[in-house]
C-alpha atoms as a PDB file:
ATOM      1  CA  UNK A   1     112.708 102.695 116.033  1.00  0.00           C
ATOM      2  CA  UNK A   2     115.645 105.137 116.968  1.00  0.00           C
ATOM      3  CA  UNK A   3     115.142 108.692 117.111  1.00  0.00           C
ATOM      4  CA  UNK A   4     116.705 110.677 114.467  1.00  0.00           C
ATOM      5  CA  UNK A   5     116.816 114.283 113.296  1.00  0.00           C
ATOM      6  CA  UNK A   6     116.518 114.942 109.567  1.00  0.00           C
ATOM      7  CA  UNK A   7     116.979 118.333 108.038  1.00  0.00           C
ATOM      8  CA  UNK A   8     115.927 119.297 104.549  1.00  0.00           C
ATOM      9  CA  UNK A   9     117.311 122.202 102.485  1.00  0.00           C
ATOM     10  CA  UNK A  10     114.812 123.478  99.979  1.00  0.00           C
ATOM     11  CA  UNK A  11     114.936 126.152  97.490  1.00  0.00           C
ATOM     12  CA  UNK A  12     111.805 128.085  98.581  1.00  0.00           C
ATOM     13  CA  UNK A  13     108.211 127.672  98.578  1.00  0.00           C
ATOM     14  CA  UNK A  14     106.271 125.590  96.195  1.00  0.00           C
ATOM     15  CA  UNK A  15     103.394 126.671  93.973  1.00  0.00           C
ATOM     16  CA  UNK A  16      99.828 124.747  94.067  1.00  0.00           C
ATOM     17  CA  UNK A  17     100.814 123.107  90.925  1.00  0.00           C
ATOM     18  CA  UNK A  18     104.190 121.732  92.223  1.00  0.00           C
ATOM     19  CA  UNK A  19     102.630 120.665  95.562  1.00  0.00           C
ATOM     20  CA  UNK A  20     100.228 118.536  93.558  1.00  0.00           C
ATOM     21  CA  UNK A  21     102.953 117.144  91.400  1.00  0.00           C
ATOM     22  CA  UNK A  22     104.758 116.315  94.616  1.00  0.00           C
ATOM     23  CA  UNK A  23     101.670 114.555  96.173  1.00  0.00           C
ATOM     24  CA  UNK A  24     101.116 112.628  92.921  1.00  0.00           C
ATOM     25  CA  UNK A  25     104.768 111.471  92.747  1.00  0.00           C
ATOM     26  CA  UNK A  26     104.713 110.362  96.610  1.00  0.00           C
ATOM     27  CA  UNK A  27     101.564 108.319  95.911  1.00  0.00           C
ATOM     28  CA  UNK A  28     103.116 106.691  92.958  1.00  0.00           C
ATOM     29  CA  UNK A  29     106.135 105.662  95.028  1.00  0.00           C
ATOM     30  CA  UNK A  30     103.749 104.291  97.761  1.00  0.00           C
ATOM     31  CA  UNK A  31     101.824 102.246  95.378  1.00  0.00           C
ATOM     32  CA  UNK A  32     104.795 100.893  93.735  1.00  0.00           C
ATOM     33  CA  UNK A  33     106.040  99.336  96.956  1.00  0.00           C
ATOM     34  CA  UNK A  34     102.434  98.345  98.055  1.00  0.00           C
ATOM     35  CA  UNK A  35     102.552 100.959 101.132  1.00  0.00           C
ATOM     36  CA  UNK A  36     100.038 103.021 102.687  1.00  0.00           C
ATOM     37  CA  UNK A  37      99.899 106.254 104.757  1.00  0.00           C
ATOM     38  CA  UNK A  38     102.123 104.907 107.380  1.00  0.00           C
ATOM     39  CA  UNK A  39     105.099 105.533 105.065  1.00  0.00           C
ATOM     40  CA  UNK A  40     103.462 109.135 103.717  1.00  0.00           C
ATOM     41  CA  UNK A  41     106.278 111.402 105.173  1.00  0.00           C
ATOM     42  CA  UNK A  42     109.087 109.002 103.752  1.00  0.00           C
ATOM     43  CA  UNK A  43     107.394 109.156 100.296  1.00  0.00           C
ATOM     44  CA  UNK A  44     107.019 112.814 100.376  1.00  0.00           C
ATOM     45  CA  UNK A  45     110.679 113.286 101.234  1.00  0.00           C
ATOM     46  CA  UNK A  46     111.969 110.973  98.591  1.00  0.00           C
ATOM     47  CA  UNK A  47     109.332 112.407  96.007  1.00  0.00           C
ATOM     48  CA  UNK A  48     110.603 115.904  96.727  1.00  0.00           C
ATOM     49  CA  UNK A  49     114.445 114.934  96.433  1.00  0.00           C
ATOM     50  CA  UNK A  50     113.608 112.972  93.236  1.00  0.00           C
ATOM     51  CA  UNK A  51     111.471 115.966  91.577  1.00  0.00           C
ATOM     52  CA  UNK A  52     114.496 118.222  92.595  1.00  0.00           C
ATOM     53  CA  UNK A  53     116.821 116.138  90.523  1.00  0.00           C
ATOM     54  CA  UNK A  54     118.376 113.969  92.991  1.00  0.00           C
ATOM     55  CA  UNK A  55     119.585 114.041  96.718  1.00  0.00           C
ATOM     56  CA  UNK A  56     121.264 112.227  99.521  1.00  0.00           C
ATOM     57  CA  UNK A  57     118.521 111.396 102.267  1.00  0.00           C
ATOM     58  CA  UNK A  58     120.188 110.977 105.711  1.00  0.00           C
ATOM     59  CA  UNK A  59     118.015 108.651 107.982  1.00  0.00           C
ATOM     60  CA  UNK A  60     117.969 106.138 110.790  1.00  0.00           C
ATOM     61  CA  UNK A  61     115.408 104.081 108.807  1.00  0.00           C
ATOM     62  CA  UNK A  62     117.329 103.195 105.562  1.00  0.00           C
ATOM     63  CA  UNK A  63     115.149 100.009 104.935  1.00  0.00           C
ATOM     64  CA  UNK A  64     111.993 102.044 104.365  1.00  0.00           C
ATOM     65  CA  UNK A  65     113.608 105.205 102.774  1.00  0.00           C
ATOM     66  CA  UNK A  66     115.543 102.800 100.617  1.00  0.00           C
ATOM     67  CA  UNK A  67     112.612 100.789  99.324  1.00  0.00           C
ATOM     68  CA  UNK A  68     111.186 104.307  97.945  1.00  0.00           C
ATOM     69  CA  UNK A  69     114.398 105.791  96.973  1.00  0.00           C
ATOM     70  CA  UNK A  70     115.016 102.750  94.681  1.00  0.00           C
ATOM     71  CA  UNK A  71     112.236 103.831  92.684  1.00  0.00           C
ATOM     72  CA  UNK A  72     113.656 107.451  92.301  1.00  0.00           C
ATOM     73  CA  UNK A  73     116.483 108.909  90.162  1.00  0.00           C
ATOM     74  CA  UNK A  74     119.570 110.029  91.654  1.00  0.00           C
ATOM     75  CA  UNK A  75     118.212 109.460  95.187  1.00  0.00           C
ATOM     76  CA  UNK A  76     120.770 108.045  97.517  1.00  0.00           C
ATOM     77  CA  UNK A  77     120.250 107.106 101.223  1.00  0.00           C
ATOM     78  CA  UNK A  78     122.854 107.647 104.105  1.00  0.00           C
ATOM     79  CA  UNK A  79     122.354 105.496 107.218  1.00  0.00           C
ATOM     80  CA  UNK A  80     122.603 107.582 110.312  1.00  0.00           C
ATOM     81  CA  UNK A  81     122.464 104.484 112.552  1.00  0.00           C
ATOM     82  CA  UNK A  82     126.062 103.187 111.828  1.00  0.00           C
END
């Protein structure tokens, strides 16, 4: 897999409640595509974007991120490998 740098801009820290919601959403995404912990980081990234109302996720791994993003609202994937 090619190396990529990904930066995420947040709007501050999350509370324990919102962290729990983020974890649940990431788990839902993983379960929906039949994936396990090997895609946990990707799932948390997409879940965070989804819960914030959408985002563009820039990645060198558009296949895996795209599978997860297809289940999220307003989350798009930008392929950095092109």
